[in-house]
Amino acid sequence: MKVCVPTERLEGMESQVYGHFGSAPGFIIVDLDTMQLEEVKNGDQHHAHGMCQPLKALGGRKVDSIIVAGIGLGALNKLLAEGIAVYRAVEGTVSQNLQMIQDGKLPQFSPQFTCKGHGGGCSHH
């Protein structure tokens, strides 16, 4: 299973989880079967508010799931429509969040916790 985590900096497994999917500077993608890691710069970082294109942000790379602290409803729905599971991250590193997903301790992201603009209202504010 390939898992993607938005990060503040591209620092491998020790990268800190970034607070929001669409504006994350980069993504760490890890294949949990092989532990192969790929670092990807966000190809859609400077989109207009509410216009996030998650698959463009990932440069067309295929992933099975995303671990994220915050995400807008539109981006969440686009990912779910593509069959990509979205999980709520905890503060910390990519490594810590991957361990939690492997242990079944991260909940799936629900629409009630999505970001509603820059005024807050989402799970990570």
N, C-alpha and C. Protein backbone atom coordinates (compact mmCIF):
# COMPACT_ATOMS: atom_id res chain seq x y z
N MET A 1 0.85 -1.18 0.00
CA MET A 1 0.00 0.00 0.00
C MET A 1 0.89 1.24 0.00
N LYS A 2 0.61 2.17 -0.90
CA LYS A 2 1.34 3.44 -0.96
C LYS A 2 0.58 4.50 -0.18
N VAL A 3 1.31 5.14 0.75
CA VAL A 3 0.74 6.15 1.63
C VAL A 3 1.45 7.47 1.37
N CYS A 4 0.67 8.55 1.30
CA CYS A 4 1.20 9.89 1.07
C CYS A 4 0.95 10.75 2.30
N VAL A 5 1.99 11.52 2.69
CA VAL A 5 1.87 12.41 3.83
C VAL A 5 2.36 13.80 3.42
N PRO A 6 1.50 14.85 3.51
CA PRO A 6 1.96 16.21 3.24
C PRO A 6 2.92 16.66 4.34
N THR A 7 4.02 17.31 3.92
CA THR A 7 5.04 17.69 4.88
C THR A 7 5.49 19.13 4.70
N GLU A 8 6.04 19.67 5.78
CA GLU A 8 6.57 21.03 5.76
C GLU A 8 7.87 21.11 4.97
N ARG A 9 8.74 20.11 5.18
CA ARG A 9 10.00 20.00 4.45
C ARG A 9 10.18 18.56 4.01
N LEU A 10 10.97 18.36 2.98
CA LEU A 10 11.24 17.01 2.50
C LEU A 10 12.48 16.48 3.22
N GLU A 11 12.22 15.78 4.33
CA GLU A 11 13.29 15.25 5.18
C GLU A 11 13.08 13.77 5.47
N GLY A 12 12.60 13.05 4.47
CA GLY A 12 12.41 11.60 4.62
C GLY A 12 11.41 11.26 5.71
N MET A 13 11.67 10.16 6.38
CA MET A 13 10.75 9.66 7.40
C MET A 13 10.65 10.59 8.62
N GLU A 14 11.62 11.47 8.79
CA GLU A 14 11.59 12.40 9.92
C GLU A 14 10.92 13.73 9.56
N SER A 15 10.37 13.84 8.36
CA SER A 15 9.64 15.04 7.96
C SER A 15 8.45 15.24 8.89
N GLN A 16 8.20 16.49 9.25
CA GLN A 16 7.05 16.82 10.09
C GLN A 16 5.79 16.91 9.22
N VAL A 17 4.69 16.34 9.70
CA VAL A 17 3.42 16.41 9.00
C VAL A 17 2.99 17.87 8.92
N TYR A 18 2.59 18.30 7.73
CA TYR A 18 2.14 19.68 7.52
C TYR A 18 0.66 19.79 7.88
N GLY A 19 0.22 20.96 8.27
CA GLY A 19 -1.13 21.17 8.77
C GLY A 19 -2.25 21.13 7.73
N HIS A 20 -1.93 21.25 6.46
CA HIS A 20 -2.98 21.30 5.45
C HIS A 20 -2.50 20.68 4.14
N PHE A 21 -3.33 19.87 3.51
CA PHE A 21 -2.94 19.16 2.31
C PHE A 21 -2.57 20.10 1.16
N GLY A 22 -3.48 20.98 0.78
CA GLY A 22 -3.32 21.77 -0.45
C GLY A 22 -2.14 22.70 -0.46
N SER A 23 -1.77 23.25 0.69
CA SER A 23 -0.68 24.22 0.72
C SER A 23 0.63 23.62 1.23
N ALA A 24 0.68 22.33 1.39
CA ALA A 24 1.91 21.68 1.85
C ALA A 24 3.02 21.88 0.82
N PRO A 25 4.21 22.21 1.26
CA PRO A 25 5.32 22.37 0.32
C PRO A 25 5.70 21.06 -0.39
N GLY A 26 5.48 19.94 0.28
CA GLY A 26 5.87 18.67 -0.34
C GLY A 26 5.12 17.50 0.25
N PHE A 27 5.40 16.34 -0.32
CA PHE A 27 4.76 15.10 0.11
C PHE A 27 5.80 14.00 0.21
N ILE A 28 5.65 13.16 1.20
CA ILE A 28 6.44 11.96 1.33
C ILE A 28 5.51 10.80 0.98
N ILE A 29 5.90 10.00 0.01
CA ILE A 29 5.12 8.83 -0.38
C ILE A 29 5.94 7.60 -0.01
N VAL A 30 5.32 6.70 0.75
CA VAL A 30 6.00 5.50 1.21
C VAL A 30 5.19 4.28 0.82
N ASP A 31 5.86 3.31 0.21
CA ASP A 31 5.25 2.02 -0.08
C ASP A 31 5.45 1.16 1.17
N LEU A 32 4.38 0.87 1.88
CA LEU A 32 4.50 0.14 3.14
C LEU A 32 4.95 -1.31 2.95
N ASP A 33 4.82 -1.84 1.75
CA ASP A 33 5.27 -3.21 1.50
C ASP A 33 6.78 -3.29 1.34
N THR A 34 7.37 -2.28 0.72
CA THR A 34 8.82 -2.30 0.45
C THR A 34 9.57 -1.25 1.27
N MET A 35 8.84 -0.32 1.89
CA MET A 35 9.38 0.83 2.62
C MET A 35 10.18 1.76 1.70
N GLN A 36 9.95 1.66 0.40
CA GLN A 36 10.56 2.60 -0.55
C GLN A 36 9.91 3.96 -0.36
N LEU A 37 10.73 5.00 -0.35
CA LEU A 37 10.26 6.35 -0.06
C LEU A 37 10.53 7.26 -1.26
N GLU A 38 9.56 8.14 -1.55
CA GLU A 38 9.73 9.13 -2.60
C GLU A 38 9.33 10.49 -2.04
N GLU A 39 10.13 11.50 -2.34
CA GLU A 39 9.83 12.88 -1.94
C GLU A 39 9.34 13.63 -3.17
N VAL A 40 8.21 14.34 -3.02
CA VAL A 40 7.57 15.01 -4.15
C VAL A 40 7.26 16.45 -3.76
N LYS A 41 7.68 17.41 -4.57
CA LYS A 41 7.27 18.81 -4.35
C LYS A 41 5.83 18.96 -4.79
N ASN A 42 5.07 19.80 -4.09
CA ASN A 42 3.66 20.03 -4.39
C ASN A 42 3.53 20.76 -5.72
N GLY A 43 2.95 20.10 -6.70
CA GLY A 43 2.76 20.68 -8.03
C GLY A 43 1.57 21.61 -8.14
N ASP A 44 0.83 21.79 -7.05
CA ASP A 44 -0.37 22.64 -7.07
C ASP A 44 -0.43 23.50 -5.80
N GLN A 45 0.74 23.82 -5.24
CA GLN A 45 0.79 24.52 -3.96
C GLN A 45 0.16 25.90 -3.99
N HIS A 46 0.26 26.61 -5.10
CA HIS A 46 -0.21 27.99 -5.16
C HIS A 46 -1.53 28.12 -5.92
N HIS A 47 -2.45 27.20 -5.66
CA HIS A 47 -3.78 27.24 -6.28
C HIS A 47 -4.65 28.27 -5.57
N ALA A 48 -5.72 28.69 -6.25
CA ALA A 48 -6.70 29.59 -5.62
C ALA A 48 -7.43 28.83 -4.52
N HIS A 49 -7.80 29.56 -3.46
CA HIS A 49 -8.50 28.91 -2.35
C HIS A 49 -9.72 28.15 -2.86
N GLY A 50 -9.86 26.91 -2.42
CA GLY A 50 -10.99 26.07 -2.81
C GLY A 50 -10.81 25.37 -4.14
N MET A 51 -9.65 25.56 -4.78
CA MET A 51 -9.44 24.98 -6.11
C MET A 51 -8.33 23.92 -6.11
N CYS A 52 -8.08 23.30 -4.99
CA CYS A 52 -7.04 22.29 -4.87
C CYS A 52 -7.31 21.12 -5.83
N GLN A 53 -6.28 20.72 -6.53
CA GLN A 53 -6.34 19.56 -7.41
C GLN A 53 -5.37 18.51 -6.84
N PRO A 54 -5.84 17.64 -5.96
CA PRO A 54 -4.95 16.74 -5.23
C PRO A 54 -4.08 15.87 -6.12
N LEU A 55 -4.62 15.37 -7.21
CA LEU A 55 -3.81 14.50 -8.07
C LEU A 55 -2.75 15.30 -8.82
N LYS A 56 -3.05 16.56 -9.16
CA LYS A 56 -2.05 17.44 -9.76
C LYS A 56 -0.95 17.73 -8.75
N ALA A 57 -1.34 17.96 -7.50
CA ALA A 57 -0.37 18.23 -6.44
C ALA A 57 0.63 17.09 -6.32
N LEU A 58 0.17 15.87 -6.53
CA LEU A 58 1.03 14.69 -6.42
C LEU A 58 1.75 14.37 -7.72
N GLY A 59 1.60 15.21 -8.72
CA GLY A 59 2.28 14.99 -9.99
C GLY A 59 1.82 13.72 -10.69
N GLY A 60 0.57 13.33 -10.46
CA GLY A 60 0.02 12.16 -11.12
C GLY A 60 0.42 10.84 -10.49
N ARG A 61 1.16 10.87 -9.41
CA ARG A 61 1.57 9.62 -8.75
C ARG A 61 0.36 8.95 -8.13
N LYS A 62 0.34 7.65 -8.18
CA LYS A 62 -0.75 6.86 -7.62
C LYS A 62 -0.46 6.51 -6.17
N VAL A 63 -1.44 6.76 -5.31
CA VAL A 63 -1.33 6.38 -3.90
C VAL A 63 -2.64 5.70 -3.49
N ASP A 64 -2.55 4.91 -2.44
CA ASP A 64 -3.73 4.21 -1.93
C ASP A 64 -4.40 4.98 -0.79
N SER A 65 -3.58 5.75 -0.05
CA SER A 65 -4.13 6.49 1.07
C SER A 65 -3.29 7.73 1.35
N ILE A 66 -3.92 8.66 2.06
CA ILE A 66 -3.27 9.91 2.45
C ILE A 66 -3.49 10.10 3.95
N ILE A 67 -2.43 10.51 4.63
CA ILE A 67 -2.52 10.85 6.05
C ILE A 67 -2.33 12.36 6.12
N VAL A 68 -3.33 13.08 6.63
CA VAL A 68 -3.30 14.54 6.58
C VAL A 68 -3.92 15.14 7.84
N ALA A 69 -3.36 16.26 8.28
CA ALA A 69 -3.91 16.95 9.45
C ALA A 69 -5.13 17.78 9.09
N GLY A 70 -5.14 18.39 7.91
CA GLY A 70 -6.25 19.23 7.48
C GLY A 70 -6.41 19.17 5.98
N ILE A 71 -7.66 19.24 5.53
CA ILE A 71 -7.96 19.17 4.10
C ILE A 71 -9.34 19.79 3.88
N GLY A 72 -9.52 20.43 2.74
CA GLY A 72 -10.82 20.99 2.40
C GLY A 72 -11.78 19.92 1.91
N LEU A 73 -13.05 20.21 1.97
CA LEU A 73 -14.07 19.24 1.57
C LEU A 73 -13.94 18.87 0.10
N GLY A 74 -13.67 19.86 -0.76
CA GLY A 74 -13.53 19.56 -2.19
C GLY A 74 -12.40 18.59 -2.46
N ALA A 75 -11.24 18.84 -1.87
CA ALA A 75 -10.10 17.95 -2.06
C ALA A 75 -10.38 16.57 -1.48
N LEU A 76 -11.00 16.53 -0.30
CA LEU A 76 -11.35 15.24 0.30
C LEU A 76 -12.27 14.45 -0.63
N ASN A 77 -13.30 15.09 -1.15
CA ASN A 77 -14.23 14.40 -2.05
C ASN A 77 -13.55 13.92 -3.33
N LYS A 78 -12.62 14.71 -3.86
CA LYS A 78 -11.90 14.30 -5.07
C LYS A 78 -11.06 13.06 -4.80
N LEU A 79 -10.40 13.02 -3.66
CA LEU A 79 -9.59 11.86 -3.31
C LEU A 79 -10.46 10.62 -3.09
N LEU A 80 -11.54 10.79 -2.35
CA LEU A 80 -12.44 9.66 -2.09
C LEU A 80 -13.03 9.12 -3.38
N ALA A 81 -13.36 10.02 -4.33
CA ALA A 81 -13.92 9.60 -5.61
C ALA A 81 -12.93 8.77 -6.42
N GLU A 82 -11.64 8.97 -6.17
CA GLU A 82 -10.60 8.20 -6.85
C GLU A 82 -10.26 6.91 -6.10
N GLY A 83 -10.98 6.65 -5.01
CA GLY A 83 -10.75 5.44 -4.24
C GLY A 83 -9.56 5.54 -3.29
N ILE A 84 -9.15 6.76 -2.97
CA ILE A 84 -8.02 6.99 -2.07
C ILE A 84 -8.56 7.23 -0.66
N ALA A 85 -8.15 6.40 0.28
CA ALA A 85 -8.56 6.55 1.68
C ALA A 85 -7.81 7.73 2.29
N VAL A 86 -8.48 8.50 3.14
CA VAL A 86 -7.87 9.67 3.77
C VAL A 86 -7.99 9.51 5.29
N TYR A 87 -6.85 9.59 5.97
CA TYR A 87 -6.78 9.41 7.41
C TYR A 87 -6.34 10.69 8.09
N ARG A 88 -6.80 10.90 9.33
CA ARG A 88 -6.43 12.08 10.12
C ARG A 88 -5.09 11.85 10.79
N ALA A 89 -4.15 12.71 10.49
CA ALA A 89 -2.81 12.62 11.06
C ALA A 89 -2.79 13.11 12.50
N VAL A 90 -1.76 12.69 13.22
CA VAL A 90 -1.45 13.26 14.52
C VAL A 90 -0.19 14.09 14.34
N GLU A 91 0.04 15.02 15.25
CA GLU A 91 1.26 15.81 15.17
C GLU A 91 2.45 14.88 15.26
N GLY A 92 3.49 15.24 14.56
CA GLY A 92 4.70 14.43 14.61
C GLY A 92 5.27 14.19 13.23
N THR A 93 6.00 13.12 13.11
CA THR A 93 6.73 12.82 11.89
C THR A 93 5.96 11.85 10.99
N VAL A 94 6.47 11.74 9.78
CA VAL A 94 5.93 10.76 8.84
C VAL A 94 6.04 9.37 9.46
N SER A 95 7.20 9.07 10.02
CA SER A 95 7.44 7.76 10.62
C SER A 95 6.42 7.43 11.70
N GLN A 96 6.14 8.38 12.58
CA GLN A 96 5.18 8.16 13.66
C GLN A 96 3.78 7.90 13.12
N ASN A 97 3.38 8.65 12.10
CA ASN A 97 2.05 8.48 11.52
C ASN A 97 1.93 7.18 10.74
N LEU A 98 2.99 6.78 10.07
CA LEU A 98 2.96 5.50 9.37
C LEU A 98 2.83 4.34 10.35
N GLN A 99 3.53 4.43 11.48
CA GLN A 99 3.39 3.37 12.49
C GLN A 99 1.96 3.31 13.00
N MET A 100 1.33 4.47 13.19
CA MET A 100 -0.04 4.49 13.68
C MET A 100 -1.03 3.92 12.66
N ILE A 101 -0.79 4.18 11.38
CA ILE A 101 -1.71 3.61 10.38
C ILE A 101 -1.52 2.10 10.30
N GLN A 102 -0.28 1.65 10.43
CA GLN A 102 -0.03 0.21 10.42
C GLN A 102 -0.65 -0.47 11.63
N ASP A 103 -0.73 0.24 12.75
CA ASP A 103 -1.33 -0.30 13.97
C ASP A 103 -2.85 -0.12 14.01
N GLY A 104 -3.42 0.50 12.96
CA GLY A 104 -4.86 0.72 12.90
C GLY A 104 -5.35 1.79 13.86
N LYS A 105 -4.48 2.76 14.20
CA LYS A 105 -4.82 3.77 15.19
C LYS A 105 -5.17 5.15 14.62
N LEU A 106 -5.19 5.30 13.30
CA LEU A 106 -5.57 6.58 12.70
C LEU A 106 -6.99 6.47 12.16
N PRO A 107 -7.88 7.40 12.54
CA PRO A 107 -9.24 7.35 12.02
C PRO A 107 -9.31 7.89 10.59
N GLN A 108 -10.29 7.41 9.84
CA GLN A 108 -10.50 7.97 8.52
C GLN A 108 -11.04 9.39 8.69
N PHE A 109 -10.67 10.25 7.75
CA PHE A 109 -11.07 11.66 7.78
C PHE A 109 -12.54 11.75 7.38
N SER A 110 -13.33 12.48 8.16
CA SER A 110 -14.74 12.64 7.83
C SER A 110 -15.00 14.09 7.42
N PRO A 111 -16.02 14.32 6.58
CA PRO A 111 -16.31 15.66 6.09
C PRO A 111 -16.54 16.70 7.19
N GLN A 112 -17.01 16.30 8.36
CA GLN A 112 -17.28 17.26 9.44
C GLN A 112 -16.02 17.93 9.96
N PHE A 113 -14.84 17.35 9.69
CA PHE A 113 -13.59 17.93 10.17
C PHE A 113 -12.80 18.65 9.08
N THR A 114 -13.39 18.84 7.90
CA THR A 114 -12.66 19.50 6.82
C THR A 114 -12.53 20.99 7.06
N CYS A 115 -11.57 21.58 6.37
CA CYS A 115 -11.30 23.01 6.49
C CYS A 115 -12.37 23.80 5.73
N LYS A 116 -12.73 24.92 6.31
CA LYS A 116 -13.78 25.76 5.71
C LYS A 116 -13.23 27.16 5.43
N GLY A 117 -12.09 27.22 4.80
CA GLY A 117 -11.48 28.51 4.51
C GLY A 117 -10.43 28.87 5.55
N HIS A 118 -9.95 30.06 5.45
CA HIS A 118 -8.85 30.49 6.31
C HIS A 118 -9.34 30.94 7.69
N GLY A 119 -10.63 30.91 7.93
CA GLY A 119 -11.16 31.33 9.22
C GLY A 119 -11.18 30.23 10.26
N GLY A 120 -10.66 29.08 9.94
CA GLY A 120 -10.63 27.98 10.89
C GLY A 120 -11.82 27.06 10.69
N GLY A 121 -12.19 26.37 11.73
CA GLY A 121 -13.31 25.44 11.67
C GLY A 121 -12.90 24.05 11.28
N CYS A 122 -11.61 23.81 11.06
CA CYS A 122 -11.19 22.46 10.71
C CYS A 122 -10.47 21.82 11.88
N SER A 123 -10.19 20.55 11.74
CA SER A 123 -9.67 19.77 12.86
C SER A 123 -8.30 20.20 13.33
N HIS A 124 -7.53 20.87 12.52
CA HIS A 124 -6.17 21.19 12.94
C HIS A 124 -5.99 22.62 13.40
N HIS A 125 -7.07 23.40 13.52
CA HIS A 125 -6.98 24.78 14.03
C HIS A 125 -7.47 24.85 15.45
